[in-house]
PDB file of all heavy atoms in Angstrom:
ATOM      1  N   ASP A   1      14.359  20.663  14.908  1.00  0.00           N
ATOM      2  CA  ASP A   1      14.359  21.461  16.120  1.00  0.00           C
ATOM      3  C   ASP A   1      13.011  21.762  16.644  1.00  0.00           C
ATOM      4  O   ASP A   1      12.780  21.643  17.882  1.00  0.00           O
ATOM      5  CB  ASP A   1      15.087  22.778  15.935  1.00  0.00           C
ATOM      6  CG  ASP A   1      16.585  22.574  15.598  1.00  0.00           C
ATOM      7  OD1 ASP A   1      17.108  21.551  16.050  1.00  0.00           O
ATOM      8  OD2 ASP A   1      17.225  23.384  14.938  1.00  0.00           O
ATOM      9  N   ASN A   2      12.093  22.048  15.681  1.00  0.00           N
ATOM     10  CA  ASN A   2      10.663  22.357  16.129  1.00  0.00           C
ATOM     11  C   ASN A   2       9.743  21.607  15.248  1.00  0.00           C
ATOM     12  O   ASN A   2       9.167  22.200  14.252  1.00  0.00           O
ATOM     13  CB  ASN A   2      10.424  23.908  16.037  1.00  0.00           C
ATOM     14  CG  ASN A   2      11.268  24.679  17.055  1.00  0.00           C
ATOM     15  OD1 ASN A   2      11.235  24.377  18.254  1.00  0.00           O
ATOM     16  ND2 ASN A   2      12.067  25.595  16.530  1.00  0.00           N
ATOM     17  N   PRO A   3       9.586  20.319  15.446  1.00  0.00           N
ATOM     18  CA  PRO A   3       8.672  19.562  14.601  1.00  0.00           C
ATOM     19  C   PRO A   3       7.218  20.084  14.757  1.00  0.00           C
ATOM     20  O   PRO A   3       6.782  20.287  15.856  1.00  0.00           O
ATOM     21  CB  PRO A   3       8.781  18.147  15.107  1.00  0.00           C
ATOM     22  CG  PRO A   3       9.290  18.266  16.521  1.00  0.00           C
ATOM     23  CD  PRO A   3      10.120  19.509  16.575  1.00  0.00           C
ATOM     24  N   PRO A   4       6.537  20.262  13.621  1.00  0.00           N
ATOM     25  CA  PRO A   4       5.131  20.741  13.720  1.00  0.00           C
ATOM     26  C   PRO A   4       4.269  19.796  14.469  1.00  0.00           C
ATOM     27  O   PRO A   4       4.183  18.532  14.095  1.00  0.00           O
ATOM     28  CB  PRO A   4       4.690  20.810  12.293  1.00  0.00           C
ATOM     29  CG  PRO A   4       6.004  20.847  11.461  1.00  0.00           C
ATOM     30  CD  PRO A   4       6.986  20.017  12.240  1.00  0.00           C
ATOM     31  N   PRO A   5       3.578  20.188  15.490  1.00  0.00           N
ATOM     32  CA  PRO A   5       2.680  19.282  16.279  1.00  0.00           C
ATOM     33  C   PRO A   5       1.594  18.643  15.477  1.00  0.00           C
ATOM     34  O   PRO A   5       1.222  17.568  15.669  1.00  0.00           O
ATOM     35  CB  PRO A   5       2.130  20.265  17.360  1.00  0.00           C
ATOM     36  CG  PRO A   5       3.001  21.412  17.423  1.00  0.00           C
ATOM     37  CD  PRO A   5       3.594  21.612  16.029  1.00  0.00           C
ATOM     38  N   ASP A   6       1.095  19.383  14.453  1.00  0.00           N
ATOM     39  CA  ASP A   6       0.020  18.836  13.646  1.00  0.00           C
ATOM     40  C   ASP A   6       0.552  17.610  12.802  1.00  0.00           C
ATOM     41  O   ASP A   6      -0.213  16.647  12.602  1.00  0.00           O
ATOM     42  CB  ASP A   6      -0.625  19.852  12.716  1.00  0.00           C
ATOM     43  CG  ASP A   6       0.474  20.522  11.771  1.00  0.00           C
ATOM     44  OD1 ASP A   6       1.640  20.482  12.188  1.00  0.00           O
ATOM     45  OD2 ASP A   6      -0.024  20.950  10.709  1.00  0.00           O
ATOM     46  N   LYS A   7       1.795  17.714  12.396  1.00  0.00           N
ATOM     47  CA  LYS A   7       2.370  16.573  11.611  1.00  0.00           C
ATOM     48  C   LYS A   7       2.594  15.356  12.509  1.00  0.00           C
ATOM     49  O   LYS A   7       2.366  14.232  12.138  1.00  0.00           O
ATOM     50  CB  LYS A   7       3.701  16.979  10.916  1.00  0.00           C
ATOM     51  CG  LYS A   7       3.513  17.866   9.690  1.00  0.00           C
ATOM     52  CD  LYS A   7       2.873  17.065   8.620  1.00  0.00           C
ATOM     53  CE  LYS A   7       2.638  17.890   7.358  1.00  0.00           C
ATOM     54  NZ  LYS A   7       1.870  17.149   6.304  1.00  0.00           N
ATOM     55  N   GLN A   8       3.083  15.626  13.734  1.00  0.00           N
ATOM     56  CA  GLN A   8       3.309  14.480  14.691  1.00  0.00           C
ATOM     57  C   GLN A   8       1.943  13.853  14.937  1.00  0.00           C
ATOM     58  O   GLN A   8       1.891  12.594  14.911  1.00  0.00           O
ATOM     59  CB  GLN A   8       3.897  15.044  16.000  1.00  0.00           C
ATOM     60  CG  GLN A   8       5.234  15.613  15.819  1.00  0.00           C
ATOM     61  CD  GLN A   8       5.779  16.047  17.263  1.00  0.00           C
ATOM     62  OE1 GLN A   8       5.791  15.288  18.136  1.00  0.00           O
ATOM     63  NE2 GLN A   8       6.267  17.335  17.304  1.00  0.00           N
ATOM     64  N   ALA A   9       0.898  14.629  15.155  1.00  0.00           N
ATOM     65  CA  ALA A   9      -0.419  14.019  15.500  1.00  0.00           C
ATOM     66  C   ALA A   9      -0.885  13.209  14.240  1.00  0.00           C
ATOM     67  O   ALA A   9      -1.564  12.202  14.350  1.00  0.00           O
ATOM     68  CB  ALA A   9      -1.390  15.141  15.759  1.00  0.00           C
ATOM     69  N   GLU A  10      -0.649  13.757  12.997  1.00  0.00           N
ATOM     70  CA  GLU A  10      -1.106  13.096  11.798  1.00  0.00           C
ATOM     71  C   GLU A  10      -0.366  11.716  11.613  1.00  0.00           C
ATOM     72  O   GLU A  10      -1.030  10.682  11.337  1.00  0.00           O
ATOM     73  CB  GLU A  10      -0.789  13.978  10.544  1.00  0.00           C
ATOM     74  CG  GLU A  10      -1.165  13.315   9.273  1.00  0.00           C
ATOM     75  CD  GLU A  10      -0.733  14.122   8.038  1.00  0.00           C
ATOM     76  OE1 GLU A  10      -0.348  15.322   8.189  1.00  0.00           O
ATOM     77  OE2 GLU A  10      -0.759  13.587   6.926  1.00  0.00           O
ATOM     78  N   PHE A  11       0.940  11.743  11.858  1.00  0.00           N
ATOM     79  CA  PHE A  11       1.670  10.433  11.700  1.00  0.00           C
ATOM     80  C   PHE A  11       1.239   9.397  12.741  1.00  0.00           C
ATOM     81  O   PHE A  11       1.025   8.256  12.449  1.00  0.00           O
ATOM     82  CB  PHE A  11       3.151  10.721  11.769  1.00  0.00           C
ATOM     83  CG  PHE A  11       3.754  11.595  10.767  1.00  0.00           C
ATOM     84  CD1 PHE A  11       4.869  12.418  10.990  1.00  0.00           C
ATOM     85  CD2 PHE A  11       3.160  11.666   9.463  1.00  0.00           C
ATOM     86  CE1 PHE A  11       5.367  13.192   9.984  1.00  0.00           C
ATOM     87  CE2 PHE A  11       3.607  12.455   8.460  1.00  0.00           C
ATOM     88  CZ  PHE A  11       4.726  13.220   8.685  1.00  0.00           C
ATOM     89  N   LEU A  12       1.069   9.917  14.006  1.00  0.00           N
ATOM     90  CA  LEU A  12       0.607   8.976  15.039  1.00  0.00           C
ATOM     91  C   LEU A  12      -0.750   8.447  14.791  1.00  0.00           C
ATOM     92  O   LEU A  12      -1.136   7.295  15.012  1.00  0.00           O
ATOM     93  CB  LEU A  12       0.666   9.635  16.423  1.00  0.00           C
ATOM     94  CG  LEU A  12       2.008   9.910  17.033  1.00  0.00           C
ATOM     95  CD1 LEU A  12       1.919  10.791  18.263  1.00  0.00           C
ATOM     96  CD2 LEU A  12       2.701   8.533  17.350  1.00  0.00           C
ATOM     97  N   SER A  13      -1.649   9.287  14.255  1.00  0.00           N
ATOM     98  CA  SER A  13      -3.041   8.905  13.925  1.00  0.00           C
ATOM     99  C   SER A  13      -2.996   7.842  12.822  1.00  0.00           C
ATOM    100  O   SER A  13      -3.778   6.812  12.918  1.00  0.00           O
ATOM    101  CB  SER A  13      -3.839  10.142  13.465  1.00  0.00           C
ATOM    102  OG  SER A  13      -5.152   9.644  13.068  1.00  0.00           O
ATOM    103  N   ASN A  14      -2.175   8.005  11.825  1.00  0.00           N
ATOM    104  CA  ASN A  14      -2.098   7.032  10.718  1.00  0.00           C
ATOM    105  C   ASN A  14      -1.547   5.702  11.201  1.00  0.00           C
ATOM    106  O   ASN A  14      -2.007   4.603  10.799  1.00  0.00           O
ATOM    107  CB  ASN A  14      -1.230   7.577   9.590  1.00  0.00           C
ATOM    108  CG  ASN A  14      -1.913   8.661   8.782  1.00  0.00           C
ATOM    109  OD1 ASN A  14      -3.134   8.713   8.729  1.00  0.00           O
ATOM    110  ND2 ASN A  14      -1.086   9.574   8.245  1.00  0.00           N
ATOM    111  N   ILE A  15      -0.599   5.737  12.119  1.00  0.00           N
ATOM    112  CA  ILE A  15       0.004   4.525  12.688  1.00  0.00           C
ATOM    113  C   ILE A  15      -1.086   3.793  13.474  1.00  0.00           C
ATOM    114  O   ILE A  15      -1.258   2.553  13.382  1.00  0.00           O
ATOM    115  CB  ILE A  15       1.252   4.808  13.539  1.00  0.00           C
ATOM    116  CG1 ILE A  15       2.367   5.277  12.671  1.00  0.00           C
ATOM    117  CG2 ILE A  15       1.592   3.591  14.349  1.00  0.00           C
ATOM    118  CD1 ILE A  15       3.560   5.768  13.428  1.00  0.00           C
ATOM    119  N   LYS A  16      -1.891   4.544  14.264  1.00  0.00           N
ATOM    120  CA  LYS A  16      -2.945   3.883  15.034  1.00  0.00           C
ATOM    121  C   LYS A  16      -3.980   3.295  14.185  1.00  0.00           C
ATOM    122  O   LYS A  16      -4.534   2.227  14.456  1.00  0.00           O
ATOM    123  CB  LYS A  16      -3.566   4.954  16.046  1.00  0.00           C
ATOM    124  CG  LYS A  16      -2.659   5.332  17.128  1.00  0.00           C
ATOM    125  CD  LYS A  16      -3.303   6.453  17.999  1.00  0.00           C
ATOM    126  CE  LYS A  16      -4.544   6.029  18.699  1.00  0.00           C
ATOM    127  NZ  LYS A  16      -5.057   6.987  19.633  1.00  0.00           N
ATOM    128  N   ILE A  17      -4.303   4.008  13.157  1.00  0.00           N
ATOM    129  CA  ILE A  17      -5.320   3.426  12.158  1.00  0.00           C
ATOM    130  C   ILE A  17      -4.810   2.137  11.534  1.00  0.00           C
ATOM    131  O   ILE A  17      -5.503   1.115  11.428  1.00  0.00           O
ATOM    132  CB  ILE A  17      -5.588   4.407  11.061  1.00  0.00           C
ATOM    133  CG1 ILE A  17      -6.385   5.615  11.574  1.00  0.00           C
ATOM    134  CG2 ILE A  17      -6.381   3.728   9.875  1.00  0.00           C
ATOM    135  CD1 ILE A  17      -6.574   6.762  10.599  1.00  0.00           C
ATOM    136  N   GLY A  18      -3.541   2.107  11.195  1.00  0.00           N
ATOM    137  CA  GLY A  18      -2.895   0.844  10.655  1.00  0.00           C
ATOM    138  C   GLY A  18      -2.958  -0.231  11.627  1.00  0.00           C
ATOM    139  O   GLY A  18      -3.201  -1.469  11.268  1.00  0.00           O
ATOM    140  N   LEU A  19      -2.590   0.032  12.937  1.00  0.00           N
ATOM    141  CA  LEU A  19      -2.590  -1.031  13.932  1.00  0.00           C
ATOM    142  C   LEU A  19      -3.945  -1.563  14.138  1.00  0.00           C
ATOM    143  O   LEU A  19      -4.211  -2.773  14.354  1.00  0.00           O
ATOM    144  CB  LEU A  19      -2.009  -0.458  15.247  1.00  0.00           C
ATOM    145  CG  LEU A  19      -0.468  -0.173  15.245  1.00  0.00           C
ATOM    146  CD1 LEU A  19      -0.067   0.578  16.476  1.00  0.00           C
ATOM    147  CD2 LEU A  19       0.257  -1.511  15.170  1.00  0.00           C
ATOM    148  N   THR A  20      -5.009  -0.643  14.136  1.00  0.00           N
ATOM    149  CA  THR A  20      -6.405  -1.007  14.328  1.00  0.00           C
ATOM    150  C   THR A  20      -6.817  -1.970  13.206  1.00  0.00           C
ATOM    151  O   THR A  20      -7.488  -2.975  13.482  1.00  0.00           O
ATOM    152  CB  THR A  20      -7.321   0.183  14.372  1.00  0.00           C
ATOM    153  OG1 THR A  20      -6.890   0.992  15.437  1.00  0.00           O
ATOM    154  CG2 THR A  20      -8.730  -0.244  14.615  1.00  0.00           C
ATOM    155  N   ARG A  21      -6.434  -1.618  11.988  1.00  0.00           N
ATOM    156  CA  ARG A  21      -6.837  -2.457  10.865  1.00  0.00           C
ATOM    157  C   ARG A  21      -6.182  -3.819  10.940  1.00  0.00           C
ATOM    158  O   ARG A  21      -6.785  -4.860  10.624  1.00  0.00           O
ATOM    159  CB  ARG A  21      -6.499  -1.760   9.549  1.00  0.00           C
ATOM    160  CG  ARG A  21      -7.265  -0.475   9.315  1.00  0.00           C
ATOM    161  CD  ARG A  21      -6.908   0.120   7.979  1.00  0.00           C
ATOM    162  NE  ARG A  21      -7.340  -0.690   6.870  1.00  0.00           N
ATOM    163  CZ  ARG A  21      -6.955  -0.490   5.601  1.00  0.00           C
ATOM    164  NH1 ARG A  21      -6.051   0.343   5.309  1.00  0.00           N
ATOM    165  NH2 ARG A  21      -7.406  -1.332   4.646  1.00  0.00           N
ATOM    166  N   MET A  22      -4.917  -3.855  11.318  1.00  0.00           N
ATOM    167  CA  MET A  22      -4.166  -5.103  11.449  1.00  0.00           C
ATOM    168  C   MET A  22      -4.845  -6.029  12.575  1.00  0.00           C
ATOM    169  O   MET A  22      -4.982  -7.224  12.401  1.00  0.00           O
ATOM    170  CB  MET A  22      -2.723  -4.897  11.721  1.00  0.00           C
ATOM    171  CG  MET A  22      -1.926  -4.473  10.529  1.00  0.00           C
ATOM    172  SD  MET A  22      -0.157  -4.429  10.935  1.00  0.00           S
ATOM    173  CE  MET A  22       0.211  -6.098  11.319  1.00  0.00           C
ATOM    174  N   GLU A  23      -5.166  -5.384  13.706  1.00  0.00           N
ATOM    175  CA  GLU A  23      -5.788  -6.156  14.739  1.00  0.00           C
ATOM    176  C   GLU A  23      -7.121  -6.766  14.330  1.00  0.00           C
ATOM    177  O   GLU A  23      -7.439  -7.848  14.609  1.00  0.00           O
ATOM    178  CB  GLU A  23      -6.040  -5.196  15.937  1.00  0.00           C
ATOM    179  CG  GLU A  23      -6.655  -5.873  17.096  1.00  0.00           C
ATOM    180  CD  GLU A  23      -6.975  -4.981  18.270  1.00  0.00           C
ATOM    181  OE1 GLU A  23      -7.191  -3.747  18.008  1.00  0.00           O
ATOM    182  OE2 GLU A  23      -7.115  -5.445  19.441  1.00  0.00           O
ATOM    183  N   TRP A  24      -7.919  -5.917  13.570  1.00  0.00           N
ATOM    184  CA  TRP A  24      -9.227  -6.438  13.104  1.00  0.00           C
ATOM    185  C   TRP A  24      -8.975  -7.582  12.144  1.00  0.00           C
ATOM    186  O   TRP A  24      -9.694  -8.635  12.167  1.00  0.00           O
ATOM    187  CB  TRP A  24      -9.977  -5.274  12.381  1.00  0.00           C
ATOM    188  CG  TRP A  24     -11.309  -5.760  11.892  1.00  0.00           C
ATOM    189  CD1 TRP A  24     -12.516  -5.753  12.555  1.00  0.00           C
ATOM    190  CD2 TRP A  24     -11.585  -6.387  10.670  1.00  0.00           C
ATOM    191  NE1 TRP A  24     -13.483  -6.348  11.764  1.00  0.00           N
ATOM    192  CE2 TRP A  24     -12.996  -6.657  10.572  1.00  0.00           C
ATOM    193  CE3 TRP A  24     -10.850  -6.657   9.493  1.00  0.00           C
ATOM    194  CZ2 TRP A  24     -13.581  -7.266   9.455  1.00  0.00           C
ATOM    195  CZ3 TRP A  24     -11.435  -7.251   8.378  1.00  0.00           C
ATOM    196  CH2 TRP A  24     -12.812  -7.507   8.409  1.00  0.00           C
ATOM    197  N   LEU A  25      -8.004  -7.423  11.234  1.00  0.00           N
ATOM    198  CA  LEU A  25      -7.737  -8.442  10.216  1.00  0.00           C
ATOM    199  C   LEU A  25      -7.348  -9.748  10.921  1.00  0.00           C
ATOM    200  O   LEU A  25      -7.824 -10.862  10.581  1.00  0.00           O
ATOM    201  CB  LEU A  25      -6.723  -8.017   9.256  1.00  0.00           C
ATOM    202  CG  LEU A  25      -6.301  -9.017   8.130  1.00  0.00           C
ATOM    203  CD1 LEU A  25      -7.390  -9.500   7.332  1.00  0.00           C
ATOM    204  CD2 LEU A  25      -5.155  -8.439   7.287  1.00  0.00           C
ATOM    205  N   ALA A  26      -6.394  -9.722  11.853  1.00  0.00           N
ATOM    206  CA  ALA A  26      -5.923 -10.881  12.580  1.00  0.00           C
ATOM    207  C   ALA A  26      -7.066 -11.576  13.286  1.00  0.00           C
ATOM    208  O   ALA A  26      -7.172 -12.802  13.324  1.00  0.00           O
ATOM    209  CB  ALA A  26      -4.777 -10.455  13.539  1.00  0.00           C
ATOM    210  N   THR A  27      -7.912 -10.741  13.969  1.00  0.00           N
ATOM    211  CA  THR A  27      -9.063 -11.356  14.726  1.00  0.00           C
ATOM    212  C   THR A  27     -10.027 -12.010  13.725  1.00  0.00           C
ATOM    213  O   THR A  27     -10.478 -13.139  14.057  1.00  0.00           O
ATOM    214  CB  THR A  27      -9.748 -10.258  15.468  1.00  0.00           C
ATOM    215  OG1 THR A  27      -8.821  -9.614  16.368  1.00  0.00           O
ATOM    216  CG2 THR A  27     -10.948 -10.806  16.281  1.00  0.00           C
ATOM    217  N   ALA A  28     -10.320 -11.346  12.656  1.00  0.00           N
ATOM    218  CA  ALA A  28     -11.286 -11.867  11.638  1.00  0.00           C
ATOM    219  C   ALA A  28     -10.720 -13.238  11.054  1.00  0.00           C
ATOM    220  O   ALA A  28     -11.471 -14.228  10.877  1.00  0.00           O
ATOM    221  CB  ALA A  28     -11.603 -10.903  10.580  1.00  0.00           C
ATOM    222  N   LEU A  29      -9.439 -13.276  10.786  1.00  0.00           N
ATOM    223  CA  LEU A  29      -8.815 -14.483  10.164  1.00  0.00           C
ATOM    224  C   LEU A  29      -8.870 -15.668  11.191  1.00  0.00           C
ATOM    225  O   LEU A  29      -9.103 -16.788  10.811  1.00  0.00           O
ATOM    226  CB  LEU A  29      -7.410 -14.145   9.766  1.00  0.00           C
ATOM    227  CG  LEU A  29      -7.270 -13.316   8.485  1.00  0.00           C
ATOM    228  CD1 LEU A  29      -5.788 -12.927   8.259  1.00  0.00           C
ATOM    229  CD2 LEU A  29      -7.814 -14.044   7.254  1.00  0.00           C
ATOM    230  N   LEU A  30      -8.658 -15.306  12.453  1.00  0.00           N
ATOM    231  CA  LEU A  30      -8.690 -16.353  13.494  1.00  0.00           C
ATOM    232  C   LEU A  30     -10.072 -16.940  13.609  1.00  0.00           C
ATOM    233  O   LEU A  30     -10.338 -18.124  13.726  1.00  0.00           O
ATOM    234  CB  LEU A  30      -8.244 -15.768  14.802  1.00  0.00           C
ATOM    235  CG  LEU A  30      -8.223 -16.727  16.017  1.00  0.00           C
ATOM    236  CD1 LEU A  30      -7.314 -17.923  15.741  1.00  0.00           C
ATOM    237  CD2 LEU A  30      -7.817 -16.030  17.382  1.00  0.00           C
ATOM    238  N   LYS A  31     -11.119 -16.016  13.582  1.00  0.00           N
ATOM    239  CA  LYS A  31     -12.465 -16.508  13.696  1.00  0.00           C
ATOM    240  C   LYS A  31     -12.836 -17.302  12.436  1.00  0.00           C
ATOM    241  O   LYS A  31     -13.500 -18.346  12.522  1.00  0.00           O
ATOM    242  CB  LYS A  31     -13.475 -15.305  13.784  1.00  0.00           C
ATOM    243  CG  LYS A  31     -13.323 -14.585  15.134  1.00  0.00           C
ATOM    244  CD  LYS A  31     -14.179 -13.299  15.096  1.00  0.00           C
ATOM    245  CE  LYS A  31     -14.038 -12.538  16.459  1.00  0.00           C
ATOM    246  NZ  LYS A  31     -14.695 -11.236  16.419  1.00  0.00           N
ATOM    247  N   MET A  32     -12.404 -16.884  11.246  1.00  0.00           N
ATOM    248  CA  MET A  32     -12.687 -17.637  10.026  1.00  0.00           C
ATOM    249  C   MET A  32     -11.989 -19.057  10.148  1.00  0.00           C
ATOM    250  O   MET A  32     -12.640 -20.054   9.705  1.00  0.00           O
ATOM    251  CB  MET A  32     -12.157 -16.901   8.822  1.00  0.00           C
ATOM    252  CG  MET A  32     -12.484 -17.575   7.521  1.00  0.00           C
ATOM    253  SD  MET A  32     -14.260 -17.600   7.092  1.00  0.00           S
ATOM    254  CE  MET A  32     -14.481 -15.916   6.505  1.00  0.00           C
ATOM    255  N   ALA A  33     -10.838 -19.097  10.681  1.00  0.00           N
ATOM    256  CA  ALA A  33     -10.087 -20.377  10.771  1.00  0.00           C
ATOM    257  C   ALA A  33     -10.852 -21.340  11.751  1.00  0.00           C
ATOM    258  O   ALA A  33     -10.959 -22.514  11.453  1.00  0.00           O
ATOM    259  CB  ALA A  33      -8.699 -20.171  11.294  1.00  0.00           C
ATOM    260  N   LYS A  34     -11.429 -20.778  12.778  1.00  0.00           N
ATOM    261  CA  LYS A  34     -12.221 -21.671  13.704  1.00  0.00           C
ATOM    262  C   LYS A  34     -13.454 -22.166  13.092  1.00  0.00           C
ATOM    263  O   LYS A  34     -13.819 -23.329  13.247  1.00  0.00           O
ATOM    264  CB  LYS A  34     -12.585 -20.809  14.999  1.00  0.00           C
ATOM    265  CG  LYS A  34     -11.394 -20.499  15.886  1.00  0.00           C
ATOM    266  CD  LYS A  34     -11.831 -19.738  17.112  1.00  0.00           C
ATOM    267  CE  LYS A  34     -10.714 -19.476  18.059  1.00  0.00           C
ATOM    268  NZ  LYS A  34     -11.144 -18.660  19.238  1.00  0.00           N
ATOM    269  N   LEU A  35     -14.139 -21.292  12.251  1.00  0.00           N
ATOM    270  CA  LEU A  35     -15.285 -21.728  11.580  1.00  0.00           C
ATOM    271  C   LEU A  35     -14.935 -22.822  10.517  1.00  0.00           C
ATOM    272  O   LEU A  35     -15.732 -23.807  10.362  1.00  0.00           O
ATOM    273  CB  LEU A  35     -15.940 -20.561  10.899  1.00  0.00           C
ATOM    274  CG  LEU A  35     -16.688 -19.553  11.829  1.00  0.00           C
ATOM    275  CD1 LEU A  35     -17.013 -18.274  11.002  1.00  0.00           C
ATOM    276  CD2 LEU A  35     -17.913 -20.172  12.394  1.00  0.00           C
ATOM    277  N   ASP A  36     -13.861 -22.618   9.775  1.00  0.00           N
ATOM    278  CA  ASP A  36     -13.458 -23.632   8.780  1.00  0.00           C
ATOM    279  C   ASP A  36     -13.122 -24.931   9.418  1.00  0.00           C
ATOM    280  O   ASP A  36     -13.324 -25.991   8.830  1.00  0.00           O
ATOM    281  CB  ASP A  36     -12.217 -23.076   8.023  1.00  0.00           C
ATOM    282  CG  ASP A  36     -12.616 -21.950   7.057  1.00  0.00           C
ATOM    283  OD1 ASP A  36     -13.761 -21.776   6.755  1.00  0.00           O
ATOM    284  OD2 ASP A  36     -11.664 -21.280   6.590  1.00  0.00           O
ATOM    285  N   ALA A  37     -12.478 -24.921  10.612  1.00  0.00           N
ATOM    286  CA  ALA A  37     -12.130 -26.132  11.246  1.00  0.00           C
ATOM    287  C   ALA A  37     -13.325 -26.864  11.940  1.00  0.00           C
ATOM    288  O   ALA A  37     -13.188 -27.986  12.362  1.00  0.00           O
ATOM    289  CB  ALA A  37     -11.058 -25.800  12.280  1.00  0.00           C
ATOM    290  N   GLY A  38     -14.471 -26.166  11.988  1.00  0.00           N
ATOM    291  CA  GLY A  38     -15.626 -26.805  12.552  1.00  0.00           C
ATOM    292  C   GLY A  38     -15.590 -26.866  14.092  1.00  0.00           C
ATOM    293  O   GLY A  38     -16.220 -27.755  14.638  1.00  0.00           O
ATOM    294  N   VAL A  39     -14.784 -26.044  14.727  1.00  0.00           N
ATOM    295  CA  VAL A  39     -14.646 -26.142  16.206  1.00  0.00           C
ATOM    296  C   VAL A  39     -15.578 -25.265  16.928  1.00  0.00           C
ATOM    297  O   VAL A  39     -15.595 -25.177  18.162  1.00  0.00           O
ATOM    298  CB  VAL A  39     -13.206 -25.869  16.586  1.00  0.00           C
ATOM    299  CG1 VAL A  39     -12.201 -26.853  16.018  1.00  0.00           C
ATOM    300  CG2 VAL A  39     -12.790 -24.421  16.248  1.00  0.00           C
ATOM    301  N   ILE A  40     -16.372 -24.486  16.207  1.00  0.00           N
ATOM    302  CA  ILE A  40     -17.398 -23.562  16.837  1.00  0.00           C
ATOM    303  C   ILE A  40     -18.697 -24.295  17.068  1.00  0.00           C
ATOM    304  O   ILE A  40     -19.252 -24.873  16.115  1.00  0.00           O
ATOM    305  CB  ILE A  40     -17.617 -22.304  15.936  1.00  0.00           C
ATOM    306  CG1 ILE A  40     -16.282 -21.584  15.749  1.00  0.00           C
ATOM    307  CG2 ILE A  40     -18.619 -21.433  16.609  1.00  0.00           C
ATOM    308  CD1 ILE A  40     -15.641 -21.095  17.021  1.00  0.00           C
ATOM    309  N   GLU A  41     -19.141 -24.332  18.261  1.00  0.00           N
ATOM    310  CA  GLU A  41     -20.488 -24.861  18.587  1.00  0.00           C
ATOM    311  C   GLU A  41     -21.377 -23.707  18.876  1.00  0.00           C
ATOM    312  O   GLU A  41     -21.260 -23.005  19.881  1.00  0.00           O
ATOM    313  CB  GLU A  41     -20.422 -25.781  19.812  1.00  0.00           C
ATOM    314  CG  GLU A  41     -19.592 -27.078  19.558  1.00  0.00           C
ATOM    315  CD  GLU A  41     -19.657 -28.059  20.703  1.00  0.00           C
ATOM    316  OE1 GLU A  41     -20.392 -27.713  21.660  1.00  0.00           O
ATOM    317  OE2 GLU A  41     -19.011 -29.074  20.676  1.00  0.00           O
ATOM    318  N   PHE A  42     -22.330 -23.505  17.907  1.00  0.00           N
ATOM    319  CA  PHE A  42     -23.284 -22.387  18.090  1.00  0.00           C
ATOM    320  C   PHE A  42     -24.292 -22.666  19.146  1.00  0.00           C
ATOM    321  O   PHE A  42     -24.934 -23.696  19.065  1.00  0.00           O
ATOM    322  CB  PHE A  42     -23.926 -22.040  16.770  1.00  0.00           C
ATOM    323  CG  PHE A  42     -22.977 -21.471  15.742  1.00  0.00           C
ATOM    324  CD1 PHE A  42     -22.496 -22.315  14.633  1.00  0.00           C
ATOM    325  CD2 PHE A  42     -22.538 -20.129  15.776  1.00  0.00           C
ATOM    326  CE1 PHE A  42     -21.689 -21.838  13.752  1.00  0.00           C
ATOM    327  CE2 PHE A  42     -21.642 -19.687  14.799  1.00  0.00           C
ATOM    328  CZ  PHE A  42     -21.261 -20.478  13.765  1.00  0.00           C
ATOM    329  N   SER A  43     -24.463 -21.716  20.098  1.00  0.00           N
ATOM    330  CA  SER A  43     -25.536 -21.898  21.077  1.00  0.00           C
ATOM    331  C   SER A  43     -26.848 -21.320  20.502  1.00  0.00           C
ATOM    332  O   SER A  43     -26.779 -20.613  19.510  1.00  0.00           O
ATOM    333  CB  SER A  43     -25.136 -21.245  22.391  1.00  0.00           C
ATOM    334  OG  SER A  43     -24.957 -19.844  22.216  1.00  0.00           O
TER     335      SER A  43
END
């Protein structure tokens, strides 16, 4: 009936942290795959 606002904020914050970490991991893996494949031309 009356969910504590601080708990809602805590759960949402943890979810955002998890999404941020997943986004970073996916981006890092994609960059690593490009380097492994030798398709990066360094300027």
